[in-house]
């Protein structure tokens, strides 16, 4: 998971549930996942995705990160689900 996406998780949690909840969840993410700072190559790949796809920049970071690691992107985002033009597989979390 990219730190860019962890930041998205954090701000949404803080806004909706408070700082303590945001701190707790991001602490758990840091233990469970290898959060990575995107380097210049990943940022360029993200920009290329954003240039051709009508989806949010944060989603492009998630897609580029999953593709770079040859892993499926786990999401419930309808903006991503069902697309056939992504460089990674997508698994629908709504089915879980």
Protein backbone atom coordinates (compact mmCIF):
# COMPACT_ATOMS: atom_id res chain seq x y z
CA UNK A 1 0.00 0.00 0.00
CA UNK A 2 1.23 3.46 -0.84
CA UNK A 3 1.53 6.11 1.86
CA UNK A 4 -0.58 8.27 -0.45
CA UNK A 5 -3.48 5.89 0.10
CA UNK A 6 -2.74 5.59 3.82
CA UNK A 7 -3.04 9.38 4.03
CA UNK A 8 -6.45 9.12 2.36
CA UNK A 9 -7.53 6.56 4.96
CA UNK A 10 -6.21 8.78 7.75
CA UNK A 11 -7.96 12.01 6.75
CA UNK A 12 -11.29 10.26 6.19
CA UNK A 13 -11.10 8.54 9.57
CA UNK A 14 -10.09 11.71 11.39
CA UNK A 15 -12.89 13.67 9.77
CA UNK A 16 -15.53 11.00 10.44
CA UNK A 17 -14.34 9.40 13.71
CA UNK A 18 -11.65 11.61 15.25
CA UNK A 19 -7.90 11.71 15.47
CA UNK A 20 -7.54 8.79 17.89
CA UNK A 21 -9.37 6.44 15.51
CA UNK A 22 -7.25 7.64 12.59
CA UNK A 23 -4.04 7.16 14.58
CA UNK A 24 -5.10 3.68 15.67
CA UNK A 25 -6.00 2.48 12.18
CA UNK A 26 -2.86 3.84 10.54
CA UNK A 27 -0.77 2.25 13.31
CA UNK A 28 -2.45 -1.07 12.54
CA UNK A 29 -1.84 -0.59 8.81
CA UNK A 30 1.85 0.07 9.47
CA UNK A 31 2.08 -3.25 11.33
CA UNK A 32 0.05 -5.27 8.83
CA UNK A 33 1.28 -3.79 5.55
CA UNK A 34 4.45 -2.56 3.95
CA UNK A 35 3.49 1.07 3.40
CA UNK A 36 5.75 2.57 0.78
CA UNK A 37 6.62 6.07 -0.28
CA UNK A 38 6.26 6.23 -4.04
CA UNK A 39 9.45 7.00 -5.88
CA UNK A 40 9.72 8.97 -9.10
CA UNK A 41 9.07 5.95 -11.34
CA UNK A 42 5.84 5.11 -9.48
CA UNK A 43 4.75 8.74 -9.58
CA UNK A 44 5.30 8.89 -13.34
CA UNK A 45 3.35 5.66 -13.80
CA UNK A 46 0.57 7.12 -11.67
CA UNK A 47 0.54 10.29 -13.78
CA UNK A 48 0.31 8.18 -16.94
CA UNK A 49 -2.66 6.30 -15.52
CA UNK A 50 -4.36 9.56 -14.52
CA UNK A 51 -3.79 10.97 -18.00
CA UNK A 52 -5.72 8.13 -19.61
CA UNK A 53 -8.27 7.16 -16.95
CA UNK A 54 -11.13 9.29 -15.63
CA UNK A 55 -10.56 8.25 -12.01
CA UNK A 56 -9.21 9.90 -8.86
CA UNK A 57 -5.47 10.45 -8.46
CA UNK A 58 -5.40 8.46 -5.21
CA UNK A 59 -6.99 5.53 -7.04
CA UNK A 60 -4.27 5.79 -9.69
CA UNK A 61 -1.63 5.50 -6.94
CA UNK A 62 -3.36 2.37 -5.64
CA UNK A 63 -3.54 0.85 -9.12
CA UNK A 64 0.09 1.67 -9.93
CA UNK A 65 1.25 0.21 -6.59
CA UNK A 66 -0.70 -3.01 -7.07
CA UNK A 67 0.57 -3.37 -10.63
CA UNK A 68 4.19 -2.76 -9.60
CA UNK A 69 3.95 -5.60 -7.07
CA UNK A 70 1.98 -7.89 -9.43
CA UNK A 71 -0.85 -8.02 -6.90
CA UNK A 72 -4.59 -7.55 -7.27
CA UNK A 73 -6.09 -4.27 -6.12
CA UNK A 74 -8.62 -4.86 -3.35
CA UNK A 75 -11.37 -2.26 -3.59
CA UNK A 76 -15.06 -1.60 -3.33
CA UNK A 77 -14.80 1.56 -5.41
CA UNK A 78 -17.34 1.52 -8.24
CA UNK A 79 -15.12 3.93 -10.19
CA UNK A 80 -12.55 1.10 -10.49
CA UNK A 81 -14.65 -2.05 -10.42
CA UNK A 82 -15.58 -3.42 -13.79
CA UNK A 83 -12.83 -1.62 -15.67
CA UNK A 84 -10.96 -3.83 -18.11
CA UNK A 85 -8.20 -1.35 -18.97
CA UNK A 86 -6.16 -1.52 -15.75
CA UNK A 87 -2.61 -2.89 -15.44
CA UNK A 88 -3.60 -5.06 -12.46
CA UNK A 89 -6.38 -7.42 -11.48
CA UNK A 90 -9.14 -6.04 -9.27
CA UNK A 91 -10.92 -7.88 -6.47
CA UNK A 92 -14.26 -6.58 -5.26
CA UNK A 93 -14.26 -6.10 -1.48
CA UNK A 94 -18.01 -5.64 -1.49
CA UNK A 95 -18.34 -9.41 -1.88
CA UNK A 96 -16.51 -9.97 1.42
